[in-house]
N, C-alpha and C. Protein backbone atom coordinates (compact mmCIF):
# COMPACT_ATOMS: atom_id res chain seq x y z
N MET A 1 6.17 -17.68 6.75
CA MET A 1 5.37 -17.08 7.79
C MET A 1 4.02 -17.78 7.91
N SER A 2 3.43 -18.13 6.78
CA SER A 2 2.13 -18.79 6.85
C SER A 2 2.24 -20.20 7.41
N VAL A 3 3.40 -20.83 7.29
CA VAL A 3 3.59 -22.16 7.88
C VAL A 3 3.44 -22.06 9.40
N LEU A 4 3.94 -20.97 9.97
CA LEU A 4 3.80 -20.75 11.40
C LEU A 4 2.32 -20.63 11.79
N TYR A 5 1.57 -19.84 11.02
CA TYR A 5 0.14 -19.71 11.30
C TYR A 5 -0.59 -21.05 11.15
N LEU A 6 -0.25 -21.80 10.11
CA LEU A 6 -0.89 -23.10 9.91
C LEU A 6 -0.55 -24.05 11.06
N ALA A 7 0.67 -23.99 11.56
CA ALA A 7 1.04 -24.83 12.70
C ALA A 7 0.25 -24.43 13.95
N VAL A 8 0.05 -23.14 14.15
CA VAL A 8 -0.75 -22.68 15.29
C VAL A 8 -2.19 -23.13 15.15
N PHE A 9 -2.76 -23.02 13.94
CA PHE A 9 -4.13 -23.50 13.71
C PHE A 9 -4.23 -25.00 13.97
N GLY A 10 -3.24 -25.76 13.54
CA GLY A 10 -3.23 -27.20 13.79
C GLY A 10 -3.14 -27.52 15.27
N LEU A 11 -2.30 -26.77 15.99
CA LEU A 11 -2.18 -26.98 17.43
C LEU A 11 -3.48 -26.65 18.15
N LEU A 12 -4.11 -25.55 17.77
CA LEU A 12 -5.39 -25.20 18.38
C LEU A 12 -6.47 -26.24 18.07
N THR A 13 -6.46 -26.75 16.84
CA THR A 13 -7.42 -27.80 16.48
C THR A 13 -7.17 -29.04 17.31
N ALA A 14 -5.92 -29.40 17.49
CA ALA A 14 -5.59 -30.58 18.30
C ALA A 14 -5.98 -30.38 19.76
N LEU A 15 -5.85 -29.17 20.27
CA LEU A 15 -6.20 -28.91 21.66
C LEU A 15 -7.71 -28.83 21.87
N LEU A 16 -8.43 -28.35 20.87
CA LEU A 16 -9.87 -28.14 21.04
C LEU A 16 -10.73 -29.33 20.64
N THR A 17 -10.17 -30.30 19.95
CA THR A 17 -10.93 -31.51 19.60
C THR A 17 -10.41 -32.68 20.41
N SER A 18 -11.29 -33.64 20.63
CA SER A 18 -10.89 -34.79 21.46
C SER A 18 -10.13 -35.82 20.62
N ARG A 19 -9.33 -36.61 21.28
CA ARG A 19 -8.53 -37.63 20.59
C ARG A 19 -9.39 -38.71 19.94
N PRO A 20 -10.47 -39.17 20.58
CA PRO A 20 -11.29 -40.19 19.90
C PRO A 20 -11.89 -39.69 18.57
N ASP A 21 -12.17 -38.40 18.48
CA ASP A 21 -12.68 -37.87 17.21
C ASP A 21 -11.63 -38.01 16.11
N TRP A 22 -10.37 -37.72 16.44
CA TRP A 22 -9.30 -37.85 15.45
C TRP A 22 -9.10 -39.32 15.04
N VAL A 23 -9.15 -40.19 16.04
CA VAL A 23 -8.94 -41.61 15.75
C VAL A 23 -10.06 -42.14 14.87
N SER A 24 -11.29 -41.77 15.18
CA SER A 24 -12.41 -42.23 14.35
C SER A 24 -12.35 -41.62 12.95
N PHE A 25 -11.88 -40.40 12.83
CA PHE A 25 -11.74 -39.78 11.51
C PHE A 25 -10.71 -40.53 10.68
N VAL A 26 -9.58 -40.86 11.29
CA VAL A 26 -8.51 -41.53 10.55
C VAL A 26 -8.93 -42.96 10.17
N ARG A 27 -9.64 -43.66 11.03
CA ARG A 27 -10.01 -45.06 10.75
C ARG A 27 -11.21 -45.19 9.82
N ARG A 28 -12.17 -44.31 9.89
CA ARG A 28 -13.43 -44.49 9.18
C ARG A 28 -13.51 -43.80 7.83
N THR A 29 -12.62 -42.91 7.54
CA THR A 29 -12.72 -42.18 6.27
C THR A 29 -11.92 -42.87 5.18
N SER A 30 -12.33 -42.61 3.97
CA SER A 30 -11.64 -43.21 2.83
C SER A 30 -10.39 -42.41 2.49
N ARG A 31 -9.60 -42.97 1.60
CA ARG A 31 -8.37 -42.28 1.17
C ARG A 31 -8.71 -40.99 0.42
N LEU A 32 -9.78 -41.00 -0.31
CA LEU A 32 -10.17 -39.81 -1.06
C LEU A 32 -10.51 -38.66 -0.11
N THR A 33 -11.21 -38.97 0.98
CA THR A 33 -11.56 -37.94 1.96
C THR A 33 -10.32 -37.41 2.66
N LYS A 34 -9.40 -38.30 2.99
CA LYS A 34 -8.15 -37.86 3.62
C LYS A 34 -7.35 -36.98 2.67
N LEU A 35 -7.32 -37.36 1.40
CA LEU A 35 -6.64 -36.54 0.40
C LEU A 35 -7.30 -35.18 0.27
N ALA A 36 -8.62 -35.16 0.33
CA ALA A 36 -9.35 -33.88 0.26
C ALA A 36 -9.02 -32.99 1.45
N VAL A 37 -8.88 -33.59 2.63
CA VAL A 37 -8.52 -32.81 3.82
C VAL A 37 -7.12 -32.23 3.67
N VAL A 38 -6.19 -33.01 3.14
CA VAL A 38 -4.82 -32.52 2.92
C VAL A 38 -4.81 -31.39 1.91
N VAL A 39 -5.55 -31.55 0.81
CA VAL A 39 -5.61 -30.49 -0.22
C VAL A 39 -6.26 -29.24 0.36
N ASN A 40 -7.31 -29.40 1.16
CA ASN A 40 -7.95 -28.25 1.79
C ASN A 40 -7.00 -27.53 2.75
N SER A 41 -6.20 -28.29 3.48
CA SER A 41 -5.24 -27.64 4.38
C SER A 41 -4.18 -26.87 3.60
N LEU A 42 -3.76 -27.40 2.45
CA LEU A 42 -2.81 -26.67 1.60
C LEU A 42 -3.47 -25.42 1.01
N THR A 43 -4.75 -25.51 0.70
CA THR A 43 -5.48 -24.34 0.21
C THR A 43 -5.55 -23.27 1.28
N VAL A 44 -5.79 -23.69 2.53
CA VAL A 44 -5.80 -22.73 3.63
C VAL A 44 -4.42 -22.12 3.80
N LEU A 45 -3.38 -22.91 3.63
CA LEU A 45 -2.01 -22.40 3.70
C LEU A 45 -1.78 -21.31 2.65
N LEU A 46 -2.22 -21.55 1.41
CA LEU A 46 -2.07 -20.54 0.35
C LEU A 46 -2.90 -19.30 0.65
N LEU A 47 -4.10 -19.48 1.16
CA LEU A 47 -4.96 -18.34 1.50
C LEU A 47 -4.33 -17.49 2.59
N VAL A 48 -3.80 -18.14 3.63
CA VAL A 48 -3.15 -17.40 4.71
C VAL A 48 -1.92 -16.67 4.18
N GLN A 49 -1.16 -17.30 3.31
CA GLN A 49 0.01 -16.65 2.72
C GLN A 49 -0.40 -15.42 1.92
N ASN A 50 -1.48 -15.53 1.17
CA ASN A 50 -1.98 -14.40 0.40
C ASN A 50 -2.44 -13.27 1.32
N LEU A 51 -3.15 -13.62 2.39
CA LEU A 51 -3.63 -12.59 3.31
C LEU A 51 -2.47 -11.90 4.03
N ILE A 52 -1.43 -12.66 4.34
CA ILE A 52 -0.27 -12.05 4.99
C ILE A 52 0.41 -11.06 4.04
N GLY A 53 0.55 -11.43 2.77
CA GLY A 53 1.16 -10.53 1.79
C GLY A 53 0.34 -9.27 1.60
N VAL A 54 -0.98 -9.41 1.53
CA VAL A 54 -1.85 -8.24 1.37
C VAL A 54 -1.80 -7.38 2.62
N TRP A 55 -1.71 -8.01 3.80
CA TRP A 55 -1.67 -7.26 5.04
C TRP A 55 -0.42 -6.38 5.11
N LYS A 56 0.71 -6.92 4.67
CA LYS A 56 1.94 -6.13 4.69
C LYS A 56 1.83 -4.93 3.75
N GLN A 57 1.26 -5.14 2.57
CA GLN A 57 1.11 -4.03 1.63
C GLN A 57 0.17 -2.97 2.18
N ARG A 58 -0.93 -3.40 2.76
CA ARG A 58 -1.88 -2.43 3.31
C ARG A 58 -1.29 -1.69 4.50
N ALA A 59 -0.50 -2.37 5.30
CA ALA A 59 0.15 -1.71 6.44
C ALA A 59 1.15 -0.67 5.94
N GLN A 60 1.87 -0.97 4.88
CA GLN A 60 2.81 0.00 4.32
C GLN A 60 2.06 1.19 3.73
N ILE A 61 0.95 0.93 3.06
CA ILE A 61 0.15 2.04 2.51
C ILE A 61 -0.38 2.91 3.64
N LEU A 62 -0.86 2.30 4.71
CA LEU A 62 -1.38 3.05 5.84
C LEU A 62 -0.28 3.87 6.51
N ALA A 63 0.90 3.29 6.66
CA ALA A 63 2.02 4.03 7.24
C ALA A 63 2.40 5.21 6.35
N GLY A 64 2.40 5.00 5.04
CA GLY A 64 2.67 6.10 4.12
C GLY A 64 1.64 7.21 4.22
N LEU A 65 0.37 6.84 4.39
CA LEU A 65 -0.67 7.86 4.55
C LEU A 65 -0.47 8.66 5.83
N PHE A 66 -0.06 7.99 6.92
CA PHE A 66 0.20 8.72 8.15
C PHE A 66 1.37 9.69 7.99
N VAL A 67 2.41 9.27 7.29
CA VAL A 67 3.56 10.16 7.06
C VAL A 67 3.15 11.36 6.22
N VAL A 68 2.40 11.14 5.17
CA VAL A 68 1.95 12.24 4.31
C VAL A 68 1.03 13.18 5.09
N PHE A 69 0.14 12.63 5.92
CA PHE A 69 -0.74 13.45 6.73
C PHE A 69 0.05 14.30 7.71
N TYR A 70 1.07 13.71 8.34
CA TYR A 70 1.90 14.46 9.28
C TYR A 70 2.63 15.60 8.57
N LEU A 71 3.21 15.30 7.41
CA LEU A 71 3.94 16.35 6.68
C LEU A 71 3.00 17.46 6.21
N ALA A 72 1.79 17.09 5.78
CA ALA A 72 0.83 18.10 5.36
C ALA A 72 0.38 18.96 6.54
N ALA A 73 0.16 18.36 7.69
CA ALA A 73 -0.23 19.12 8.88
C ALA A 73 0.90 20.04 9.31
N TRP A 74 2.14 19.54 9.24
CA TRP A 74 3.28 20.39 9.60
C TRP A 74 3.39 21.58 8.65
N ALA A 75 3.26 21.32 7.35
CA ALA A 75 3.34 22.41 6.37
C ALA A 75 2.22 23.42 6.58
N LEU A 76 1.03 22.94 6.92
CA LEU A 76 -0.08 23.85 7.15
C LEU A 76 0.18 24.72 8.37
N CYS A 77 0.61 24.12 9.47
CA CYS A 77 0.79 24.87 10.71
C CYS A 77 2.02 25.78 10.69
N ARG A 78 3.08 25.34 10.03
CA ARG A 78 4.33 26.12 10.07
C ARG A 78 4.50 27.07 8.89
N LEU A 79 3.98 26.74 7.75
CA LEU A 79 4.24 27.53 6.55
C LEU A 79 3.01 28.30 6.06
N LEU A 80 1.91 27.61 5.88
CA LEU A 80 0.75 28.23 5.24
C LEU A 80 -0.11 29.04 6.20
N TRP A 81 -0.36 28.55 7.39
CA TRP A 81 -1.25 29.23 8.31
C TRP A 81 -0.72 30.61 8.73
N PRO A 82 0.57 30.77 9.07
CA PRO A 82 1.06 32.12 9.40
C PRO A 82 0.93 33.09 8.22
N GLN A 83 1.17 32.61 7.00
CA GLN A 83 1.00 33.49 5.84
C GLN A 83 -0.46 33.92 5.69
N TYR A 84 -1.36 32.98 5.92
CA TYR A 84 -2.79 33.29 5.83
C TYR A 84 -3.17 34.32 6.88
N LEU A 85 -2.65 34.17 8.10
CA LEU A 85 -2.99 35.11 9.17
C LEU A 85 -2.45 36.51 8.87
N ARG A 86 -1.26 36.59 8.30
CA ARG A 86 -0.72 37.90 7.92
C ARG A 86 -1.55 38.55 6.82
N ALA A 87 -1.91 37.77 5.82
CA ALA A 87 -2.72 38.31 4.73
C ALA A 87 -4.11 38.71 5.23
N ALA A 88 -4.69 37.92 6.11
CA ALA A 88 -6.00 38.25 6.65
C ALA A 88 -5.94 39.51 7.50
N SER A 89 -4.88 39.68 8.25
CA SER A 89 -4.78 40.89 9.07
C SER A 89 -4.61 42.13 8.20
N ILE A 90 -3.95 42.00 7.07
CA ILE A 90 -3.83 43.14 6.16
C ILE A 90 -5.16 43.46 5.51
N ILE A 91 -5.86 42.42 5.05
CA ILE A 91 -7.14 42.64 4.36
C ILE A 91 -8.22 43.10 5.32
N VAL A 92 -8.34 42.45 6.46
CA VAL A 92 -9.40 42.78 7.41
C VAL A 92 -9.04 44.04 8.19
N GLY A 93 -7.78 44.27 8.36
CA GLY A 93 -7.35 45.46 9.10
C GLY A 93 -7.35 45.21 10.59
N ALA A 94 -6.72 44.17 11.01
CA ALA A 94 -6.70 43.82 12.42
C ALA A 94 -5.77 44.75 13.20
N GLY A 95 -4.97 45.54 12.52
CA GLY A 95 -4.05 46.45 13.19
C GLY A 95 -4.76 47.75 13.58
N PRO A 96 -3.99 48.81 13.77
CA PRO A 96 -4.62 50.09 14.13
C PRO A 96 -5.48 50.61 12.97
N PRO A 97 -6.45 51.43 13.26
CA PRO A 97 -7.30 51.94 12.19
C PRO A 97 -6.49 52.76 11.18
N PHE A 98 -6.96 52.77 9.96
CA PHE A 98 -6.24 53.46 8.88
C PHE A 98 -6.43 54.97 9.02
N ASP A 99 -5.31 55.67 8.96
CA ASP A 99 -5.33 57.14 9.02
C ASP A 99 -4.69 57.65 7.75
N PRO A 100 -5.47 58.31 6.86
CA PRO A 100 -4.87 58.76 5.60
C PRO A 100 -3.86 59.88 5.77
N THR A 101 -3.89 60.60 6.91
CA THR A 101 -2.92 61.68 7.11
C THR A 101 -1.60 61.17 7.65
N ASP A 102 -1.58 59.93 8.03
CA ASP A 102 -0.36 59.32 8.54
C ASP A 102 0.64 59.22 7.38
N PRO A 103 1.94 59.48 7.62
CA PRO A 103 2.90 59.46 6.52
C PRO A 103 3.05 58.09 5.85
N GLN A 104 2.70 57.04 6.53
CA GLN A 104 2.74 55.70 5.97
C GLN A 104 4.10 55.32 5.37
N GLY A 105 5.14 55.67 6.07
CA GLY A 105 6.48 55.31 5.64
C GLY A 105 7.10 56.36 4.71
N ARG A 106 6.37 57.42 4.38
CA ARG A 106 6.94 58.46 3.51
C ARG A 106 7.47 59.60 4.37
N ASP A 107 8.59 60.09 3.99
CA ASP A 107 9.14 61.25 4.72
C ASP A 107 9.53 62.36 3.74
N VAL A 108 8.82 62.46 2.65
CA VAL A 108 9.09 63.48 1.65
C VAL A 108 8.39 64.76 2.08
N GLN A 109 9.13 65.82 1.98
CA GLN A 109 8.57 67.13 2.34
C GLN A 109 7.86 67.72 1.12
N SER A 110 6.62 68.06 1.30
CA SER A 110 5.91 68.67 0.19
C SER A 110 6.06 70.19 0.25
N GLU A 111 6.05 70.84 -0.88
CA GLU A 111 6.26 72.31 -0.93
C GLU A 111 5.01 73.05 -0.99
């Protein structure tokens, strides 16, 4: 994959620089400088390869975080929030006012 990126970088460099600059670079530089340019391009290739590998891992971590966030939001809205609302209505008394004379589900006759 990084070879593709390096080829694109080379193509852009070739398009953005003039041909006489390349010719003068090839004719006027020593072998050591040319070797240094080749080694630097290989270093850039390794750096791009490393960044691509890290990018894939970070993208997977980010996708995992989105999945966990979605599942947590679903659990909150579907499971936990209704239970909280029921408990809050019992504690706060959101229903009808409490009447102690009401049978409250008892139907035992007292004597």
